[in-house]
Amino acid sequence: MLSAIFEAVGAPLVVRERPMPKPRAGQALIRVCRCGICASDLHMTGGGPFGVPIGSILGHEYAGEVVDTGEDGWLRPGDRVTALPLTACGQCAACRANTPLHCPSFGMMAGGYAQYTLIDQRYAFRLPSSLSFEDGALVEPLAAALRGVRKLAVKDARVAVIGAGALGAAALFWLHRESPAALVAIARSERNAALAHAMGAVTLLSLGANLPERLIEALGGAADIVVECAGAPGSLQRALDLVRPGGSILSLGGCVQPDTLLPALAMWKEVRILFSAAYGCDEFRHTLDLLNRGTAPPHDMIAETIALSELPARFEAMRQHGSRGKTLVDPWREIA
C-alpha cells in the first residue's frame, strides 16, 4: 500500500510502499477514503517535545471502508466508518469518564496518510447513510472543538475566537449553535473571512492597532469568553488582554513552544483559564447524531482535496504559510 512516511525532522514526508497491516483481535482494517491534515501533525514532525518516531505514518482525521476484521469485533467488511484514532483499555476511571487520552494504556492509531490503516473497533462509529466520507473526516476536528465548547457557558455571552483556520472554524460552528449574544473571529489577516462568516461569526477582525477597542465595538461590549485556536506563542496573553474581568478563556490551540503569560493580570481580572484536549466517544457520537439529524455538515471548512502524492509538498507549504481551511487527502486519487 502507498503511505506517506515521516523519515526525518526538517525533511518532507516520503510516499513509499509499505506492507498491508493485518488486524488483530478487536481491530479492523479500513480502506482510507479521506483524511484531513491537522496542524498537530505539523507539530509532531517538527522536532519538538511531542515528536513522533521516525518511520511513523501520521493522519488521524480519517474515514473509510472496512475491508478486514480481527476476531472479537462488531464491524463487518463494507461498513463505512470513522473512528477515534486511538486505543485504550476501556475500563479504567479515565475511560469511564470519557477521557481515553488519560488512560494508562492509551496509544495512538493514526495511519490515515496511507491507503489502508488499522482502527480499534471499540472506538469506531458507522457513518450514517446520509453522510459522505468527507463528512466522516470532519467528525474528528469537530469533536475536538465540541469537547472544549462544552466547558463554557456560551448562551447570551459575547464571544471572540482567536484563529480562523480549521480549528477556529470548528469552534465557531459549535459556539454559534449555543446562541451567543455576539460571535467574532480574530486572525492575522482577513483571508479566512468568508470561512469565519460561514461558521457563524458576525465579522472577522485582523490583528493590529486598536484591536481591544475594535473588538468591543464588534461585540457590543468586552468579551465574556475568548477561545484561543491559534496555537501560536502570545495567543494566550492576547486572550487575557481581550477578555473582560471575571471572564473565561478556553485554549484549544495547543501551542507546543514555551510561552509567557502575565499572571498578575490574570489574577487581577480573576479570569478562568481552561484547556481542552481531543475528545472521547461521547463527542464523536454527538457530532454524528447532529449531522445525521439534518444539520448541514460544515463543508465550508474543506478548502481542497488532494492526492497522497501531493501531500508532502502541501504539508511543507502549510508548515510555512498555514492554510485557508481543512485540506483532505484522498489516498486513491490520481493527479489530473
Protein backbone atom coordinates (compact mmCIF):
# COMPACT_ATOMS: atom_id res chain seq x y z
CA MET A 1 0.00 0.00 0.00
CA LEU A 2 1.13 3.57 -0.62
CA SER A 3 1.92 5.55 2.55
CA ALA A 4 3.31 9.00 3.35
CA ILE A 5 6.11 8.32 5.83
CA PHE A 6 7.90 10.63 8.28
CA GLU A 7 11.59 9.90 7.71
CA ALA A 8 13.46 12.90 9.15
CA VAL A 9 12.89 16.16 11.01
CA GLY A 10 13.16 19.04 8.56
CA ALA A 11 12.52 16.85 5.53
CA PRO A 12 9.25 16.36 3.64
CA LEU A 13 7.20 13.22 4.09
CA VAL A 14 8.07 10.49 1.60
CA VAL A 15 5.45 8.41 -0.26
CA ARG A 16 6.54 4.78 -0.34
CA GLU A 17 5.12 1.29 -0.46
CA ARG A 18 4.52 -0.29 2.93
CA PRO A 19 3.22 -3.78 3.78
CA MET A 20 -0.51 -4.07 4.37
CA PRO A 21 -1.22 -4.26 8.12
CA LYS A 22 -3.18 -7.22 9.46
CA PRO A 23 -5.91 -6.60 12.04
CA ARG A 24 -5.55 -8.30 15.40
CA ALA A 25 -8.39 -9.23 17.72
CA GLY A 26 -10.69 -6.24 18.22
CA GLN A 27 -9.21 -4.30 15.30
CA ALA A 28 -10.38 -3.58 11.77
CA LEU A 29 -8.52 -2.70 8.60
CA ILE A 30 -10.07 0.17 6.67
CA ARG A 31 -9.55 1.45 3.17
CA VAL A 32 -8.88 5.13 3.87
CA CYS A 33 -11.19 7.24 1.72
CA ARG A 34 -10.50 10.67 3.21
CA CYS A 35 -8.09 12.00 5.84
CA GLY A 36 -7.76 15.60 6.99
CA ILE A 37 -4.44 17.33 7.58
CA CYS A 38 -4.19 18.58 11.17
CA ALA A 39 -1.81 21.23 12.49
CA SER A 40 -0.80 18.81 15.24
CA ASP A 41 0.74 16.61 12.54
CA LEU A 42 3.00 19.53 11.65
CA HIS A 43 3.99 19.85 15.30
CA MET A 44 4.65 16.12 15.64
CA THR A 45 7.09 16.16 12.73
CA GLY A 46 8.79 19.43 13.70
CA GLY A 47 11.27 18.04 16.20
CA GLY A 48 9.54 19.40 19.30
CA PRO A 49 8.63 17.72 22.59
CA PHE A 50 5.62 15.94 21.05
CA GLY A 51 7.51 14.43 18.13
CA VAL A 52 6.69 11.00 16.73
CA PRO A 53 9.24 8.28 15.93
CA ILE A 54 10.99 8.18 12.59
CA GLY A 55 9.10 5.88 10.28
CA SER A 56 5.66 6.89 11.55
CA ILE A 57 2.64 7.24 9.30
CA LEU A 58 0.52 10.11 10.58
CA GLY A 59 -3.04 11.16 9.77
CA HIS A 60 -5.79 10.87 12.37
CA GLU A 61 -8.84 12.62 10.86
CA TYR A 62 -9.95 9.71 8.73
CA ALA A 63 -12.99 7.94 7.37
CA GLY A 64 -13.08 4.82 5.25
CA GLU A 65 -14.50 1.41 4.44
CA VAL A 66 -13.82 -1.76 6.43
CA VAL A 67 -12.05 -4.41 4.35
CA ASP A 68 -10.95 -6.90 7.01
CA THR A 69 -11.53 -7.53 10.72
CA GLY A 70 -9.87 -9.39 13.55
CA GLU A 71 -11.76 -11.56 15.98
CA ASP A 72 -13.99 -10.22 18.77
CA GLY A 73 -15.34 -7.22 16.91
CA TRP A 74 -18.67 -5.93 15.67
CA LEU A 75 -17.72 -4.37 12.33
CA ARG A 76 -18.09 -6.16 9.02
CA PRO A 77 -16.39 -5.70 5.61
CA GLY A 78 -18.17 -2.98 3.67
CA ASP A 79 -19.07 -0.89 6.72
CA ARG A 80 -18.42 2.84 6.24
CA VAL A 81 -16.76 4.18 9.38
CA THR A 82 -14.90 6.87 11.20
CA ALA A 83 -13.08 6.29 14.47
CA LEU A 84 -11.25 7.88 17.35
CA PRO A 85 -7.61 7.45 16.27
CA LEU A 86 -6.59 5.75 19.48
CA THR A 87 -6.70 2.66 21.62
CA ALA A 88 -7.29 2.48 25.37
CA CYS A 89 -8.31 -0.12 27.93
CA GLY A 90 -11.97 0.96 28.04
CA GLN A 91 -12.29 0.02 31.72
CA CYS A 92 -10.21 2.39 33.88
CA ALA A 93 -11.51 5.52 35.59
CA ALA A 94 -10.29 7.73 32.73
CA CYS A 95 -12.04 5.63 30.09
CA ARG A 96 -15.26 5.53 32.09
CA ALA A 97 -15.08 9.33 32.40
CA ASN A 98 -14.88 9.77 28.59
CA THR A 99 -11.21 10.82 28.77
CA PRO A 100 -9.36 7.99 26.97
CA LEU A 101 -6.27 10.17 26.45
CA HIS A 102 -5.61 9.79 30.19
CA CYS A 103 -5.84 6.00 30.15
CA PRO A 104 -2.58 4.32 31.26
CA SER A 105 -2.91 2.06 28.20
CA PHE A 106 -3.54 4.91 25.76
CA GLY A 107 -1.97 4.59 22.33
CA MET A 108 -2.35 6.42 19.02
CA MET A 109 -3.84 4.70 15.99
CA ALA A 110 -3.06 7.16 13.24
CA GLY A 111 -2.09 5.98 9.75
CA GLY A 112 -4.60 7.95 7.68
CA TYR A 113 -1.89 9.18 5.32
CA ALA A 114 -1.95 5.77 3.68
CA GLN A 115 -4.30 3.71 1.55
CA TYR A 116 -5.15 1.44 4.49
CA THR A 117 -4.92 1.74 8.25
CA LEU A 118 -5.97 -0.11 11.41
CA ILE A 119 -8.62 1.07 13.86
CA ASP A 120 -9.75 -0.15 17.28
CA GLN A 121 -13.33 -1.35 16.82
CA ARG A 122 -14.27 -0.21 20.33
CA TYR A 123 -13.72 3.38 19.20
CA ALA A 124 -15.30 3.10 15.75
CA PHE A 125 -18.61 4.50 14.53
CA ARG A 126 -20.56 3.56 11.43
CA LEU A 127 -21.25 6.52 9.18
CA PRO A 128 -24.99 7.11 8.67
CA SER A 129 -26.07 6.67 5.06
CA SER A 130 -26.78 10.42 4.92
CA LEU A 131 -23.08 11.26 5.42
CA SER A 132 -20.20 11.07 2.98
CA PHE A 133 -16.58 10.14 3.62
CA GLU A 134 -15.82 13.88 3.52
CA ASP A 135 -18.29 14.36 6.36
CA GLY A 136 -16.71 11.45 8.21
CA ALA A 137 -13.27 13.05 8.01
CA LEU A 138 -14.67 16.24 9.61
CA VAL A 139 -16.02 14.40 12.67
CA GLU A 140 -12.65 14.28 14.45
CA PRO A 141 -11.87 18.03 14.30
CA LEU A 142 -15.50 18.87 15.09
CA ALA A 143 -15.43 16.54 18.11
CA ALA A 144 -12.24 18.15 19.39
CA ALA A 145 -13.84 21.61 19.29
CA LEU A 146 -17.06 20.32 20.81
CA ARG A 147 -15.26 18.99 23.86
CA GLY A 148 -13.84 22.42 24.60
CA VAL A 149 -17.02 24.40 23.89
CA ARG A 150 -18.93 22.15 26.29
CA LYS A 151 -16.81 23.58 29.13
CA LEU A 152 -18.24 27.07 28.55
CA ALA A 153 -21.50 28.90 29.31
CA VAL A 154 -21.97 30.39 25.85
CA LYS A 155 -25.66 31.36 25.74
CA ASP A 156 -26.05 35.16 25.60
CA ALA A 157 -22.29 35.65 26.07
CA ARG A 158 -20.06 37.89 23.96
CA VAL A 159 -17.51 35.51 22.44
CA ALA A 160 -14.28 36.03 20.50
CA VAL A 161 -12.31 33.27 18.75
CA ILE A 162 -8.61 33.81 18.09
CA GLY A 163 -7.65 31.89 14.96
CA ALA A 164 -9.74 31.37 11.83
CA GLY A 165 -8.23 28.21 10.42
CA ALA A 166 -9.83 24.78 10.53
CA LEU A 167 -9.85 24.55 14.34
CA GLY A 168 -11.20 28.06 14.73
CA ALA A 169 -13.91 27.25 12.18
CA ALA A 170 -14.89 24.12 14.12
CA ALA A 171 -15.09 26.14 17.34
CA LEU A 172 -17.23 28.78 15.62
CA PHE A 173 -19.56 26.03 14.35
CA TRP A 174 -20.35 24.85 17.89
CA LEU A 175 -20.31 28.28 19.53
CA HIS A 176 -22.83 29.60 17.01
CA ARG A 177 -25.18 26.74 17.89
CA GLU A 178 -25.09 27.78 21.57
CA SER A 179 -26.75 31.17 20.89
CA PRO A 180 -24.11 33.68 21.96
CA ALA A 181 -25.05 37.35 22.12
CA ALA A 182 -22.29 38.05 19.58
CA LEU A 183 -19.55 35.95 17.98
CA VAL A 184 -16.41 37.45 16.43
CA ALA A 185 -13.33 35.83 14.89
CA ILE A 186 -9.81 37.28 15.13
CA ALA A 187 -6.92 36.33 12.82
CA ARG A 188 -3.62 37.60 11.47
CA SER A 189 -5.30 38.59 8.21
CA GLU A 190 -8.75 38.66 6.66
CA ARG A 191 -8.08 35.85 4.15
CA ASN A 192 -10.39 33.44 6.03
CA ALA A 193 -13.18 35.97 6.50
CA ALA A 194 -15.60 34.02 4.28
CA LEU A 195 -14.97 30.82 6.27
CA ALA A 196 -15.49 32.62 9.59
CA HIS A 197 -18.78 34.12 8.37
CA ALA A 198 -19.98 30.74 7.10
CA MET A 199 -19.32 29.18 10.50
CA GLY A 200 -21.31 31.86 12.34
CA ALA A 201 -19.02 34.81 13.10
CA VAL A 202 -20.59 38.23 12.60
CA THR A 203 -17.21 39.58 11.48
CA LEU A 204 -13.50 38.79 11.36
CA LEU A 205 -11.05 41.27 12.83
CA SER A 206 -7.40 41.29 11.81
CA LEU A 207 -4.65 41.74 14.35
CA GLY A 208 -3.22 45.23 14.58
CA ALA A 209 -3.73 48.61 16.13
CA ASN A 210 -6.66 49.20 18.48
CA LEU A 211 -7.76 45.55 18.49
CA PRO A 212 -9.30 45.76 22.00
CA GLU A 213 -11.38 48.77 21.01
CA ARG A 214 -12.40 47.24 17.68
CA LEU A 215 -13.41 44.01 19.41
CA ILE A 216 -15.55 45.83 21.98
CA GLU A 217 -17.30 47.67 19.16
CA ALA A 218 -17.90 44.46 17.19
CA LEU A 219 -19.19 42.52 20.22
CA GLY A 220 -21.16 45.36 21.76
CA GLY A 221 -19.06 45.15 24.90
CA ALA A 222 -16.00 43.43 26.33
CA ALA A 223 -15.60 39.71 25.59
CA ASP A 224 -17.10 37.39 28.20
CA ILE A 225 -15.31 34.43 26.59
CA VAL A 226 -12.20 34.22 24.42
CA VAL A 227 -11.43 30.91 22.71
CA GLU A 228 -7.80 30.54 21.63
CA CYS A 229 -7.46 28.39 18.48
CA ALA A 230 -4.24 29.79 17.00
CA GLY A 231 -1.72 27.65 18.88
CA ALA A 232 0.94 30.34 18.46
CA PRO A 233 3.13 31.91 21.15
CA GLY A 234 1.46 35.02 22.55
CA SER A 235 -2.08 33.86 21.81
CA LEU A 236 -2.96 33.13 25.45
CA GLN A 237 -1.67 36.52 26.55
CA ARG A 238 -3.69 38.14 23.77
CA ALA A 239 -6.77 36.31 25.03
CA LEU A 240 -6.03 37.58 28.54
CA ASP A 241 -5.72 41.14 27.25
CA LEU A 242 -9.08 40.91 25.47
CA VAL A 243 -11.31 39.09 27.98
CA ARG A 244 -13.32 41.08 30.49
CA PRO A 245 -12.70 40.85 34.26
CA GLY A 246 -14.37 37.69 35.53
CA GLY A 247 -14.49 36.20 32.02
CA SER A 248 -13.31 32.85 30.69
CA ILE A 249 -10.51 31.80 28.35
CA LEU A 250 -10.51 28.43 26.60
CA SER A 251 -7.28 27.23 24.99
CA LEU A 252 -7.79 24.79 22.11
CA GLY A 253 -4.75 25.77 20.04
CA GLY A 254 -2.19 23.69 21.91
CA CYS A 255 0.96 25.78 21.48
CA VAL A 256 3.96 23.43 21.63
CA GLN A 257 6.54 26.11 22.35
CA PRO A 258 7.33 27.71 25.73
CA ASP A 259 5.10 30.73 26.13
CA THR A 260 4.61 33.57 28.57
CA LEU A 261 1.54 34.94 30.31
CA LEU A 262 1.28 37.73 32.89
CA PRO A 263 -0.17 36.00 35.97
CA ALA A 264 -0.77 39.28 37.79
CA LEU A 265 -3.15 40.43 35.05
CA ALA A 266 -4.98 37.10 35.13
CA MET A 267 -5.23 37.39 38.90
CA TRP A 268 -6.41 41.00 38.79
CA LYS A 269 -9.06 40.15 36.21
CA GLU A 270 -9.96 36.96 38.11
CA VAL A 271 -10.36 35.10 34.85
CA ARG A 272 -10.96 31.40 34.43
CA ILE A 273 -8.45 29.75 32.06
CA LEU A 274 -9.45 26.35 30.70
CA PHE A 275 -7.73 23.81 28.47
CA SER A 276 -9.22 21.03 26.39
CA ALA A 277 -7.56 18.11 24.63
CA ALA A 278 -9.12 15.95 21.95
CA TYR A 279 -12.34 14.04 22.73
CA GLY A 280 -13.98 10.86 23.91
CA CYS A 281 -16.59 8.64 22.32
CA ASP A 282 -19.37 10.93 23.51
CA GLU A 283 -18.16 13.84 21.37
CA PHE A 284 -17.88 11.63 18.28
CA ARG A 285 -21.36 10.22 18.88
CA HIS A 286 -22.90 13.66 19.45
CA THR A 287 -21.30 15.05 16.28
CA LEU A 288 -22.52 12.16 14.14
CA ASP A 289 -26.01 12.32 15.64
CA LEU A 290 -26.24 16.06 14.98
CA LEU A 291 -25.16 15.74 11.36
CA ASN A 292 -27.46 12.76 10.81
CA ARG A 293 -30.44 14.76 12.10
CA GLY A 294 -30.14 17.02 9.09
CA THR A 295 -27.75 19.72 10.28
CA ALA A 296 -25.79 20.69 7.20
CA PRO A 297 -22.20 19.44 7.52
CA PRO A 298 -19.79 22.39 7.60
CA HIS A 299 -18.38 21.76 4.14
CA ASP A 300 -17.08 25.34 4.07
CA MET A 301 -14.31 24.03 6.32
CA ILE A 302 -12.95 21.97 3.40
CA ALA A 303 -10.57 24.06 1.32
CA GLU A 304 -9.45 21.32 -1.07
CA THR A 305 -8.95 17.61 -1.59
CA ILE A 306 -5.54 16.38 -2.78
CA ALA A 307 -3.88 13.13 -3.80
CA LEU A 308 -1.49 11.28 -1.49
CA SER A 309 1.37 12.11 -3.84
CA GLU A 310 0.65 15.81 -3.32
CA LEU A 311 0.71 15.53 0.46
CA PRO A 312 4.46 16.04 1.13
CA ALA A 313 4.61 19.35 -0.73
CA ARG A 314 1.31 20.59 0.71
CA PHE A 315 2.42 19.56 4.22
CA GLU A 316 5.55 21.74 3.95
CA ALA A 317 3.60 24.64 2.44
CA MET A 318 1.21 24.53 5.39
CA ARG A 319 4.15 24.47 7.77
CA GLN A 320 5.36 27.74 6.27
CA HIS A 321 2.14 29.54 5.41
CA GLY A 322 -0.78 27.89 7.23
CA SER A 323 -3.98 27.09 5.36
CA ARG A 324 -7.31 28.57 4.36
CA GLY A 325 -9.27 25.68 5.85
CA LYS A 326 -9.20 21.91 6.04
CA THR A 327 -7.24 20.04 3.39
CA LEU A 328 -8.43 16.47 2.85
CA VAL A 329 -6.27 13.71 1.41
CA ASP A 330 -7.78 11.08 -0.89
CA PRO A 331 -5.19 8.26 -0.92
CA TRP A 332 -6.75 6.78 -4.07
CA ARG A 333 -6.89 9.94 -6.10
CA GLU A 334 -4.53 10.44 -9.01
CA ILE A 335 -3.15 13.82 -10.01
CA ALA A 336 -5.05 15.11 -13.04
